[in-house]
Amino acid sequence: MGTKEVLLYELAHARTGDKGNRINISVIAYRQEDYPLLAAQVTEERVAERFAYRRPTQVKRYLLPRLGAMNFVIDDVLDGGVNDSLNLDMHGKTLSFHLLGMTVRCE
């Protein structure tokens, strides 16, 4: 059958919040059986690569296996925060959708 790449949003949804220059993005598997695949592939390193253009200083992942979820805390990606940023709508939901656009490999 082989391996194929799918977009993360096909396997999970996201919730997000921002405070100051820090954002947290929760990635929640639609199906509990997909969680191990997501935990193996949606790593701190891959998320840092995904947001490299925003130059995060730290990406920390917290696993929540009983919820089929993980939470990422990403520092210094909000141009100083909502009140200091000159960017329009580069916070919250916009960045969570950017994360959901990454690919994962599945069989």
PDB file of N, CA and C in Angstrom:
ATOM      1  N   MET A   1       0.829  -1.202   0.000  1.00  0.00           N
ATOM      2  CA  MET A   1       0.000   0.000   0.000  1.00  0.00           C
ATOM      3  C   MET A   1       0.863   1.251   0.000  1.00  0.00           C
ATOM      4  N   GLY A   2       1.915   1.290   0.819  1.00  0.00           N
ATOM      5  CA  GLY A   2       2.830   2.416   0.789  1.00  0.00           C
ATOM      6  C   GLY A   2       2.482   3.532   1.750  1.00  0.00           C
ATOM      7  N   THR A   3       3.374   4.479   1.779  1.00  0.00           N
ATOM      8  CA  THR A   3       3.224   5.634   2.657  1.00  0.00           C
ATOM      9  C   THR A   3       2.763   6.829   1.837  1.00  0.00           C
ATOM     10  N   LYS A   4       1.907   7.640   2.422  1.00  0.00           N
ATOM     11  CA  LYS A   4       1.469   8.867   1.752  1.00  0.00           C
ATOM     12  C   LYS A   4       1.566  10.026   2.729  1.00  0.00           C
ATOM     13  N   GLU A   5       1.663  11.211   2.188  1.00  0.00           N
ATOM     14  CA  GLU A   5       1.671  12.421   3.013  1.00  0.00           C
ATOM     15  C   GLU A   5       0.286  13.043   2.985  1.00  0.00           C
ATOM     16  N   VAL A   6      -0.177  13.447   4.160  1.00  0.00           N
ATOM     17  CA  VAL A   6      -1.458  14.147   4.262  1.00  0.00           C
ATOM     18  C   VAL A   6      -1.238  15.427   5.063  1.00  0.00           C
ATOM     19  N   LEU A   7      -2.090  16.373   4.852  1.00  0.00           N
ATOM     20  CA  LEU A   7      -2.017  17.613   5.628  1.00  0.00           C
ATOM     21  C   LEU A   7      -2.516  17.347   7.040  1.00  0.00           C
ATOM     22  N   LEU A   8      -1.868  17.968   7.997  1.00  0.00           N
ATOM     23  CA  LEU A   8      -2.206  17.768   9.397  1.00  0.00           C
ATOM     24  C   LEU A   8      -3.685  18.040   9.662  1.00  0.00           C
ATOM     25  N   TYR A   9      -4.265  19.014   8.990  1.00  0.00           N
ATOM     26  CA  TYR A   9      -5.671  19.344   9.259  1.00  0.00           C
ATOM     27  C   TYR A   9      -6.632  18.235   8.862  1.00  0.00           C
ATOM     28  N   GLU A  10      -6.156  17.233   8.106  1.00  0.00           N
ATOM     29  CA  GLU A  10      -6.999  16.091   7.792  1.00  0.00           C
ATOM     30  C   GLU A  10      -7.115  15.130   8.983  1.00  0.00           C
ATOM     31  N   LEU A  11      -6.160  15.209   9.919  1.00  0.00           N
ATOM     32  CA  LEU A  11      -6.128  14.306  11.062  1.00  0.00           C
ATOM     33  C   LEU A  11      -6.419  14.996  12.392  1.00  0.00           C
ATOM     34  N   ALA A  12      -6.363  16.329  12.399  1.00  0.00           N
ATOM     35  CA  ALA A  12      -6.480  17.053  13.669  1.00  0.00           C
ATOM     36  C   ALA A  12      -7.041  18.450  13.446  1.00  0.00           C
ATOM     37  N   HIS A  13      -7.499  19.029  14.525  1.00  0.00           N
ATOM     38  CA  HIS A  13      -7.902  20.438  14.518  1.00  0.00           C
ATOM     39  C   HIS A  13      -7.059  21.148  15.563  1.00  0.00           C
ATOM     40  N   ALA A  14      -7.177  22.456  15.645  1.00  0.00           N
ATOM     41  CA  ALA A  14      -6.328  23.230  16.553  1.00  0.00           C
ATOM     42  C   ALA A  14      -7.131  24.294  17.278  1.00  0.00           C
ATOM     43  N   ARG A  15      -6.653  24.626  18.458  1.00  0.00           N
ATOM     44  CA  ARG A  15      -7.141  25.760  19.255  1.00  0.00           C
ATOM     45  C   ARG A  15      -5.916  26.573  19.617  1.00  0.00           C
ATOM     46  N   THR A  16      -6.106  27.847  19.779  1.00  0.00           N
ATOM     47  CA  THR A  16      -4.939  28.683  20.025  1.00  0.00           C
ATOM     48  C   THR A  16      -5.264  29.856  20.930  1.00  0.00           C
ATOM     49  N   GLY A  17      -4.213  30.415  21.484  1.00  0.00           N
ATOM     50  CA  GLY A  17      -4.320  31.619  22.288  1.00  0.00           C
ATOM     51  C   GLY A  17      -2.989  32.349  22.244  1.00  0.00           C
ATOM     52  N   ASP A  18      -3.017  33.626  22.455  1.00  0.00           N
ATOM     53  CA  ASP A  18      -1.772  34.380  22.487  1.00  0.00           C
ATOM     54  C   ASP A  18      -1.766  35.324  23.673  1.00  0.00           C
ATOM     55  N   LYS A  19      -0.591  35.531  24.200  1.00  0.00           N
ATOM     56  CA  LYS A  19      -0.398  36.432  25.335  1.00  0.00           C
ATOM     57  C   LYS A  19       0.972  37.060  25.154  1.00  0.00           C
ATOM     58  N   GLY A  20       0.991  38.358  25.013  1.00  0.00           N
ATOM     59  CA  GLY A  20       2.268  39.026  24.787  1.00  0.00           C
ATOM     60  C   GLY A  20       2.887  38.539  23.490  1.00  0.00           C
ATOM     61  N   ASN A  21       4.129  38.133  23.556  1.00  0.00           N
ATOM     62  CA  ASN A  21       4.852  37.678  22.374  1.00  0.00           C
ATOM     63  C   ASN A  21       4.910  36.154  22.298  1.00  0.00           C
ATOM     64  N   ARG A  22       4.015  35.486  22.988  1.00  0.00           N
ATOM     65  CA  ARG A  22       3.981  34.013  23.069  1.00  0.00           C
ATOM     66  C   ARG A  22       2.627  33.522  22.567  1.00  0.00           C
ATOM     67  N   ILE A  23       2.666  32.426  21.838  1.00  0.00           N
ATOM     68  CA  ILE A  23       1.429  31.797  21.380  1.00  0.00           C
ATOM     69  C   ILE A  23       1.419  30.352  21.854  1.00  0.00           C
ATOM     70  N   ASN A  24       0.242  29.841  22.161  1.00  0.00           N
ATOM     71  CA  ASN A  24       0.133  28.403  22.376  1.00  0.00           C
ATOM     72  C   ASN A  24      -0.877  27.871  21.378  1.00  0.00           C
ATOM     73  N   ILE A  25      -0.526  26.715  20.828  1.00  0.00           N
ATOM     74  CA  ILE A  25      -1.385  26.064  19.839  1.00  0.00           C
ATOM     75  C   ILE A  25      -1.584  24.625  20.284  1.00  0.00           C
ATOM     76  N   SER A  26      -2.829  24.268  20.512  1.00  0.00           N
ATOM     77  CA  SER A  26      -3.167  22.886  20.821  1.00  0.00           C
ATOM     78  C   SER A  26      -3.574  22.186  19.536  1.00  0.00           C
ATOM     79  N   VAL A  27      -3.016  21.011  19.328  1.00  0.00           N
ATOM     80  CA  VAL A  27      -3.353  20.165  18.185  1.00  0.00           C
ATOM     81  C   VAL A  27      -4.087  18.957  18.749  1.00  0.00           C
ATOM     82  N   ILE A  28      -5.319  18.740  18.292  1.00  0.00           N
ATOM     83  CA  ILE A  28      -6.173  17.693  18.844  1.00  0.00           C
ATOM     84  C   ILE A  28      -6.562  16.726  17.730  1.00  0.00           C
ATOM     85  N   ALA A  29      -6.213  15.464  17.892  1.00  0.00           N
ATOM     86  CA  ALA A  29      -6.547  14.445  16.896  1.00  0.00           C
ATOM     87  C   ALA A  29      -8.060  14.273  16.813  1.00  0.00           C
ATOM     88  N   TYR A  30      -8.561  14.141  15.596  1.00  0.00           N
ATOM     89  CA  TYR A  30      -9.978  13.832  15.428  1.00  0.00           C
ATOM     90  C   TYR A  30     -10.290  12.441  15.977  1.00  0.00           C
ATOM     91  N   ARG A  31      -9.338  11.512  15.757  1.00  0.00           N
ATOM     92  CA  ARG A  31      -9.524  10.125  16.196  1.00  0.00           C
ATOM     93  C   ARG A  31      -8.367   9.739  17.118  1.00  0.00           C
ATOM     94  N   GLN A  32      -8.685   9.162  18.243  1.00  0.00           N
ATOM     95  CA  GLN A  32      -7.671   8.776  19.231  1.00  0.00           C
ATOM     96  C   GLN A  32      -6.600   7.871  18.619  1.00  0.00           C
ATOM     97  N   GLU A  33      -6.992   7.012  17.682  1.00  0.00           N
ATOM     98  CA  GLU A  33      -6.022   6.097  17.080  1.00  0.00           C
ATOM     99  C   GLU A  33      -4.979   6.802  16.217  1.00  0.00           C
ATOM    100  N   ASP A  34      -5.214   8.049  15.833  1.00  0.00           N
ATOM    101  CA  ASP A  34      -4.222   8.821  15.074  1.00  0.00           C
ATOM    102  C   ASP A  34      -3.223   9.541  15.978  1.00  0.00           C
ATOM    103  N   TYR A  35      -3.518   9.611  17.258  1.00  0.00           N
ATOM    104  CA  TYR A  35      -2.655  10.364  18.173  1.00  0.00           C
ATOM    105  C   TYR A  35      -1.201   9.880  18.185  1.00  0.00           C
ATOM    106  N   PRO A  36      -0.909   8.570  18.264  1.00  0.00           N
ATOM    107  CA  PRO A  36       0.501   8.152  18.273  1.00  0.00           C
ATOM    108  C   PRO A  36       1.268   8.614  17.028  1.00  0.00           C
ATOM    109  N   LEU A  37       0.627   8.576  15.871  1.00  0.00           N
ATOM    110  CA  LEU A  37       1.234   9.059  14.636  1.00  0.00           C
ATOM    111  C   LEU A  37       1.562  10.548  14.751  1.00  0.00           C
ATOM    112  N   LEU A  38       0.616  11.316  15.268  1.00  0.00           N
ATOM    113  CA  LEU A  38       0.835  12.756  15.415  1.00  0.00           C
ATOM    114  C   LEU A  38       1.929  13.038  16.440  1.00  0.00           C
ATOM    115  N   ALA A  39       1.909  12.329  17.558  1.00  0.00           N
ATOM    116  CA  ALA A  39       2.929  12.543  18.589  1.00  0.00           C
ATOM    117  C   ALA A  39       4.321  12.228  18.058  1.00  0.00           C
ATOM    118  N   ALA A  40       4.419  11.238  17.182  1.00  0.00           N
ATOM    119  CA  ALA A  40       5.718  10.867  16.620  1.00  0.00           C
ATOM    120  C   ALA A  40       6.228  11.876  15.601  1.00  0.00           C
ATOM    121  N   GLN A  41       5.324  12.534  14.880  1.00  0.00           N
ATOM    122  CA  GLN A  41       5.757  13.380  13.766  1.00  0.00           C
ATOM    123  C   GLN A  41       5.610  14.882  13.997  1.00  0.00           C
ATOM    124  N   VAL A  42       4.686  15.300  14.819  1.00  0.00           N
ATOM    125  CA  VAL A  42       4.495  16.736  15.068  1.00  0.00           C
ATOM    126  C   VAL A  42       5.323  17.074  16.308  1.00  0.00           C
ATOM    127  N   THR A  43       6.601  17.247  16.076  1.00  0.00           N
ATOM    128  CA  THR A  43       7.579  17.416  17.145  1.00  0.00           C
ATOM    129  C   THR A  43       7.940  18.892  17.339  1.00  0.00           C
ATOM    130  N   GLU A  44       8.628  19.166  18.423  1.00  0.00           N
ATOM    131  CA  GLU A  44       9.119  20.535  18.653  1.00  0.00           C
ATOM    132  C   GLU A  44       9.987  20.992  17.490  1.00  0.00           C
ATOM    133  N   GLU A  45      10.829  20.101  16.988  1.00  0.00           N
ATOM    134  CA  GLU A  45      11.740  20.465  15.901  1.00  0.00           C
ATOM    135  C   GLU A  45      10.985  20.799  14.620  1.00  0.00           C
ATOM    136  N   ARG A  46       9.990  19.990  14.285  1.00  0.00           N
ATOM    137  CA  ARG A  46       9.225  20.256  13.054  1.00  0.00           C
ATOM    138  C   ARG A  46       8.392  21.527  13.182  1.00  0.00           C
ATOM    139  N   VAL A  47       7.841  21.767  14.365  1.00  0.00           N
ATOM    140  CA  VAL A  47       7.071  22.994  14.556  1.00  0.00           C
ATOM    141  C   VAL A  47       7.998  24.207  14.490  1.00  0.00           C
ATOM    142  N   ALA A  48       9.176  24.107  15.074  1.00  0.00           N
ATOM    143  CA  ALA A  48      10.152  25.202  14.984  1.00  0.00           C
ATOM    144  C   ALA A  48      10.521  25.472  13.524  1.00  0.00           C
ATOM    145  N   GLU A  49      10.699  24.414  12.727  1.00  0.00           N
ATOM    146  CA  GLU A  49      10.982  24.583  11.298  1.00  0.00           C
ATOM    147  C   GLU A  49       9.818  25.252  10.588  1.00  0.00           C
ATOM    148  N   ARG A  50       8.607  24.845  10.939  1.00  0.00           N
ATOM    149  CA  ARG A  50       7.411  25.401  10.300  1.00  0.00           C
ATOM    150  C   ARG A  50       7.298  26.908  10.550  1.00  0.00           C
ATOM    151  N   PHE A  51       7.727  27.335  11.747  1.00  0.00           N
ATOM    152  CA  PHE A  51       7.646  28.748  12.110  1.00  0.00           C
ATOM    153  C   PHE A  51       8.988  29.470  11.990  1.00  0.00           C
ATOM    154  N   ALA A  52       9.960  28.860  11.336  1.00  0.00           N
ATOM    155  CA  ALA A  52      11.311  29.449  11.253  1.00  0.00           C
ATOM    156  C   ALA A  52      11.286  30.867  10.688  1.00  0.00           C
ATOM    157  N   TYR A  53      10.392  31.147   9.751  1.00  0.00           N
ATOM    158  CA  TYR A  53      10.319  32.488   9.164  1.00  0.00           C
ATOM    159  C   TYR A  53       9.919  33.547  10.201  1.00  0.00           C
ATOM    160  N   ARG A  54       9.329  33.122  11.337  1.00  0.00           N
ATOM    161  CA  ARG A  54       8.959  34.052  12.416  1.00  0.00           C
ATOM    162  C   ARG A  54      10.041  34.103  13.498  1.00  0.00           C
ATOM    163  N   ARG A  55      11.083  33.280  13.369  1.00  0.00           N
ATOM    164  CA  ARG A  55      12.233  33.237  14.278  1.00  0.00           C
ATOM    165  C   ARG A  55      11.842  33.004  15.744  1.00  0.00           C
ATOM    166  N   PRO A  56      11.187  31.878  16.038  1.00  0.00           N
ATOM    167  CA  PRO A  56      10.869  31.591  17.443  1.00  0.00           C
ATOM    168  C   PRO A  56      12.147  31.366  18.235  1.00  0.00           C
ATOM    169  N   THR A  57      12.150  31.796  19.485  1.00  0.00           N
ATOM    170  CA  THR A  57      13.315  31.552  20.334  1.00  0.00           C
ATOM    171  C   THR A  57      13.203  30.226  21.070  1.00  0.00           C
ATOM    172  N   GLN A  58      11.983  29.702  21.181  1.00  0.00           N
ATOM    173  CA  GLN A  58      11.788  28.412  21.840  1.00  0.00           C
ATOM    174  C   GLN A  58      10.446  27.833  21.427  1.00  0.00           C
ATOM    175  N   VAL A  59      10.424  26.515  21.251  1.00  0.00           N
ATOM    176  CA  VAL A  59       9.184  25.778  21.025  1.00  0.00           C
ATOM    177  C   VAL A  59       9.165  24.650  22.043  1.00  0.00           C
ATOM    178  N   LYS A  60       8.123  24.601  22.842  1.00  0.00           N
ATOM    179  CA  LYS A  60       7.983  23.566  23.866  1.00  0.00           C
ATOM    180  C   LYS A  60       6.686  22.814  23.606  1.00  0.00           C
ATOM    181  N   ARG A  61       6.764  21.470  23.635  1.00  0.00           N
ATOM    182  CA  ARG A  61       5.586  20.643  23.400  1.00  0.00           C
ATOM    183  C   ARG A  61       5.190  19.935  24.691  1.00  0.00           C
ATOM    184  N   TYR A  62       3.906  19.931  24.964  1.00  0.00           N
ATOM    185  CA  TYR A  62       3.331  19.214  26.101  1.00  0.00           C
ATOM    186  C   TYR A  62       2.357  18.182  25.547  1.00  0.00           C
ATOM    187  N   LEU A  63       2.600  16.908  25.841  1.00  0.00           N
ATOM    188  CA  LEU A  63       1.749  15.835  25.353  1.00  0.00           C
ATOM    189  C   LEU A  63       0.589  15.594  26.311  1.00  0.00           C
ATOM    190  N   LEU A  64      -0.586  15.389  25.758  1.00  0.00           N
ATOM    191  CA  LEU A  64      -1.806  15.111  26.524  1.00  0.00           C
ATOM    192  C   LEU A  64      -2.464  13.867  25.928  1.00  0.00           C
ATOM    193  N   PRO A  65      -1.843  12.693  26.107  1.00  0.00           N
ATOM    194  CA  PRO A  65      -2.315  11.490  25.416  1.00  0.00           C
ATOM    195  C   PRO A  65      -3.739  11.075  25.757  1.00  0.00           C
ATOM    196  N   ARG A  66      -4.179  11.298  26.968  1.00  0.00           N
ATOM    197  CA  ARG A  66      -5.547  10.898  27.316  1.00  0.00           C
ATOM    198  C   ARG A  66      -6.590  11.752  26.592  1.00  0.00           C
ATOM    199  N   LEU A  67      -6.186  12.920  26.148  1.00  0.00           N
ATOM    200  CA  LEU A  67      -7.065  13.792  25.363  1.00  0.00           C
ATOM    201  C   LEU A  67      -6.825  13.651  23.865  1.00  0.00           C
ATOM    202  N   GLY A  68      -5.797  12.900  23.499  1.00  0.00           N
ATOM    203  CA  GLY A  68      -5.435  12.804  22.085  1.00  0.00           C
ATOM    204  C   GLY A  68      -4.930  14.130  21.558  1.00  0.00           C
ATOM    205  N   ALA A  69      -4.223  14.871  22.411  1.00  0.00           N
ATOM    206  CA  ALA A  69      -3.828  16.236  22.058  1.00  0.00           C
ATOM    207  C   ALA A  69      -2.388  16.522  22.462  1.00  0.00           C
ATOM    208  N   MET A  70      -1.885  17.601  21.946  1.00  0.00           N
ATOM    209  CA  MET A  70      -0.600  18.148  22.360  1.00  0.00           C
ATOM    210  C   MET A  70      -0.707  19.658  22.308  1.00  0.00           C
ATOM    211  N   ASN A  71       0.058  20.318  23.165  1.00  0.00           N
ATOM    212  CA  ASN A  71       0.038  21.773  23.215  1.00  0.00           C
ATOM    213  C   ASN A  71       1.453  22.286  22.970  1.00  0.00           C
ATOM    214  N   PHE A  72       1.578  23.228  22.051  1.00  0.00           N
ATOM    215  CA  PHE A  72       2.856  23.853  21.747  1.00  0.00           C
ATOM    216  C   PHE A  72       2.846  25.281  22.273  1.00  0.00           C
ATOM    217  N   VAL A  73       3.889  25.634  22.996  1.00  0.00           N
ATOM    218  CA  VAL A  73       4.101  27.011  23.435  1.00  0.00           C
ATOM    219  C   VAL A  73       5.283  27.529  22.622  1.00  0.00           C
ATOM    220  N   ILE A  74       5.041  28.586  21.862  1.00  0.00           N
ATOM    221  CA  ILE A  74       6.037  29.108  20.930  1.00  0.00           C
ATOM    222  C   ILE A  74       6.333  30.550  21.312  1.00  0.00           C
ATOM    223  N   ASP A  75       7.595  30.808  21.634  1.00  0.00           N
ATOM    224  CA  ASP A  75       8.004  32.129  22.112  1.00  0.00           C
ATOM    225  C   ASP A  75       8.523  33.021  20.991  1.00  0.00           C
ATOM    226  N   ASP A  76       8.176  34.291  21.099  1.00  0.00           N
ATOM    227  CA  ASP A  76       8.719  35.365  20.261  1.00  0.00           C
ATOM    228  C   ASP A  76       8.364  35.234  18.783  1.00  0.00           C
ATOM    229  N   VAL A  77       7.107  34.913  18.486  1.00  0.00           N
ATOM    230  CA  VAL A  77       6.657  34.816  17.097  1.00  0.00           C
ATOM    231  C   VAL A  77       5.558  35.823  16.761  1.00  0.00           C
ATOM    232  N   LEU A  78       5.231  36.697  17.703  1.00  0.00           N
ATOM    233  CA  LEU A  78       4.086  37.593  17.496  1.00  0.00           C
ATOM    234  C   LEU A  78       4.489  39.058  17.315  1.00  0.00           C
ATOM    235  N   ASP A  79       5.715  39.287  16.868  1.00  0.00           N
ATOM    236  CA  ASP A  79       6.180  40.661  16.628  1.00  0.00           C
ATOM    237  C   ASP A  79       5.964  41.560  17.836  1.00  0.00           C
ATOM    238  N   GLY A  80       6.193  41.035  19.024  1.00  0.00           N
ATOM    239  CA  GLY A  80       6.042  41.812  20.246  1.00  0.00           C
ATOM    240  C   GLY A  80       4.696  41.665  20.904  1.00  0.00           C
ATOM    241  N   GLY A  81       3.738  41.057  20.227  1.00  0.00           N
ATOM    242  CA  GLY A  81       2.404  40.870  20.778  1.00  0.00           C
ATOM    243  C   GLY A  81       1.364  41.670  20.014  1.00  0.00           C
ATOM    244  N   VAL A  82       0.121  41.352  20.267  1.00  0.00           N
ATOM    245  CA  VAL A  82      -0.984  41.975  19.536  1.00  0.00           C
ATOM    246  C   VAL A  82      -0.933  43.504  19.628  1.00  0.00           C
ATOM    247  N   ASN A  83      -0.659  44.036  20.794  1.00  0.00           N
ATOM    248  CA  ASN A  83      -0.670  45.496  20.967  1.00  0.00           C
ATOM    249  C   ASN A  83       0.528  46.182  20.348  1.00  0.00           C
ATOM    250  N   ASP A  84       1.650  45.472  20.172  1.00  0.00           N
ATOM    251  CA  ASP A  84       2.860  46.074  19.620  1.00  0.00           C
ATOM    252  C   ASP A  84       3.056  45.807  18.141  1.00  0.00           C
ATOM    253  N   SER A  85       2.335  44.851  17.585  1.00  0.00           N
ATOM    254  CA  SER A  85       2.573  44.413  16.213  1.00  0.00           C
ATOM    255  C   SER A  85       1.930  45.356  15.203  1.00  0.00           C
ATOM    256  N   LEU A  86       2.645  45.565  14.105  1.00  0.00           N
ATOM    257  CA  LEU A  86       2.090  46.320  12.991  1.00  0.00           C
ATOM    258  C   LEU A  86       1.438  45.391  11.967  1.00  0.00           C
ATOM    259  N   ASN A  87       1.616  44.080  12.160  1.00  0.00           N
ATOM    260  CA  ASN A  87       0.998  43.112  11.254  1.00  0.00           C
ATOM    261  C   ASN A  87      -0.491  43.002  11.531  1.00  0.00           C
ATOM    262  N   LEU A  88      -1.247  42.812  10.481  1.00  0.00           N
ATOM    263  CA  LEU A  88      -2.681  42.617  10.605  1.00  0.00           C
ATOM    264  C   LEU A  88      -2.977  41.128  10.643  1.00  0.00           C
ATOM    265  N   ASP A  89      -3.617  40.667  11.694  1.00  0.00           N
ATOM    266  CA  ASP A  89      -4.097  39.296  11.819  1.00  0.00           C
ATOM    267  C   ASP A  89      -3.006  38.239  11.667  1.00  0.00           C
ATOM    268  N   MET A  90      -1.868  38.425  12.293  1.00  0.00           N
ATOM    269  CA  MET A  90      -0.818  37.405  12.290  1.00  0.00           C
ATOM    270  C   MET A  90      -0.789  36.667  13.625  1.00  0.00           C
ATOM    271  N   HIS A  91      -1.899  36.581  14.271  1.00  0.00           N
ATOM    272  CA  HIS A  91      -1.952  35.974  15.593  1.00  0.00           C
ATOM    273  C   HIS A  91      -2.996  34.873  15.617  1.00  0.00           C
ATOM    274  N   GLY A  92      -3.057  34.191  16.733  1.00  0.00           N
ATOM    275  CA  GLY A  92      -4.117  33.243  17.015  1.00  0.00           C
ATOM    276  C   GLY A  92      -4.459  32.282  15.901  1.00  0.00           C
ATOM    277  N   LYS A  93      -5.667  32.350  15.432  1.00  0.00           N
ATOM    278  CA  LYS A  93      -6.183  31.385  14.468  1.00  0.00           C
ATOM    279  C   LYS A  93      -5.359  31.329  13.193  1.00  0.00           C
ATOM    280  N   THR A  94      -4.834  32.445  12.758  1.00  0.00           N
ATOM    281  CA  THR A  94      -4.026  32.462  11.543  1.00  0.00           C
ATOM    282  C   THR A  94      -2.818  31.557  11.692  1.00  0.00           C
ATOM    283  N   LEU A  95      -2.105  31.651  12.802  1.00  0.00           N
ATOM    284  CA  LEU A  95      -0.912  30.837  12.998  1.00  0.00           C
ATOM    285  C   LEU A  95      -1.266  29.382  13.278  1.00  0.00           C
ATOM    286  N   SER A  96      -2.406  29.110  13.906  1.00  0.00           N
ATOM    287  CA  SER A  96      -2.781  27.711  14.109  1.00  0.00           C
ATOM    288  C   SER A  96      -3.102  27.059  12.765  1.00  0.00           C
ATOM    289  N   PHE A  97      -3.726  27.789  11.861  1.00  0.00           N
ATOM    290  CA  PHE A  97      -3.999  27.227  10.542  1.00  0.00           C
ATOM    291  C   PHE A  97      -2.694  26.991   9.785  1.00  0.00           C
ATOM    292  N   HIS A  98      -1.722  27.874   9.964  1.00  0.00           N
ATOM    293  CA  HIS A  98      -0.409  27.672   9.346  1.00  0.00           C
ATOM    294  C   HIS A  98       0.193  26.352   9.825  1.00  0.00           C
ATOM    295  N   LEU A  99       0.100  26.059  11.109  1.00  0.00           N
ATOM    296  CA  LEU A  99       0.617  24.800  11.638  1.00  0.00           C
ATOM    297  C   LEU A  99      -0.135  23.608  11.043  1.00  0.00           C
ATOM    298  N   LEU A 100      -1.454  23.703  10.923  1.00  0.00           N
ATOM    299  CA  LEU A 100      -2.244  22.602  10.380  1.00  0.00           C
ATOM    300  C   LEU A 100      -1.954  22.337   8.906  1.00  0.00           C
ATOM    301  N   GLY A 101      -1.231  23.227   8.255  1.00  0.00           N
ATOM    302  CA  GLY A 101      -0.849  23.039   6.858  1.00  0.00           C
ATOM    303  C   GLY A 101       0.397  22.191   6.689  1.00  0.00           C
ATOM    304  N   MET A 102       1.042  21.773   7.782  1.00  0.00           N
ATOM    305  CA  MET A 102       2.212  20.916   7.644  1.00  0.00           C
ATOM    306  C   MET A 102       1.763  19.503   7.289  1.00  0.00           C
ATOM    307  N   THR A 103       2.669  18.708   6.741  1.00  0.00           N
ATOM    308  CA  THR A 103       2.316  17.359   6.341  1.00  0.00           C
ATOM    309  C   THR A 103       2.813  16.330   7.336  1.00  0.00           C
ATOM    310  N   VAL A 104       2.105  15.212   7.380  1.00  0.00           N
ATOM    311  CA  VAL A 104       2.518  14.041   8.143  1.00  0.00           C
ATOM    312  C   VAL A 104       2.438  12.838   7.211  1.00  0.00           C
ATOM    313  N   ARG A 105       3.282  11.854   7.471  1.00  0.00           N
ATOM    314  CA  ARG A 105       3.293  10.626   6.676  1.00  0.00           C
ATOM    315  C   ARG A 105       2.461   9.566   7.383  1.00  0.00           C
ATOM    316  N   CYS A 106       1.624   8.891   6.610  1.00  0.00           N
ATOM    317  CA  CYS A 106       0.835   7.806   7.174  1.00  0.00           C
ATOM    318  C   CYS A 106       0.722   6.682   6.157  1.00  0.00           C
ATOM    319  N   GLU A 107       0.336   5.525   6.644  1.00  0.00           N
ATOM    320  CA  GLU A 107       0.184   4.351   5.767  1.00  0.00           C
ATOM    321  C   GLU A 107      -1.257   4.100   5.450  1.00  0.00           C
TER     322      GLU A 107
END
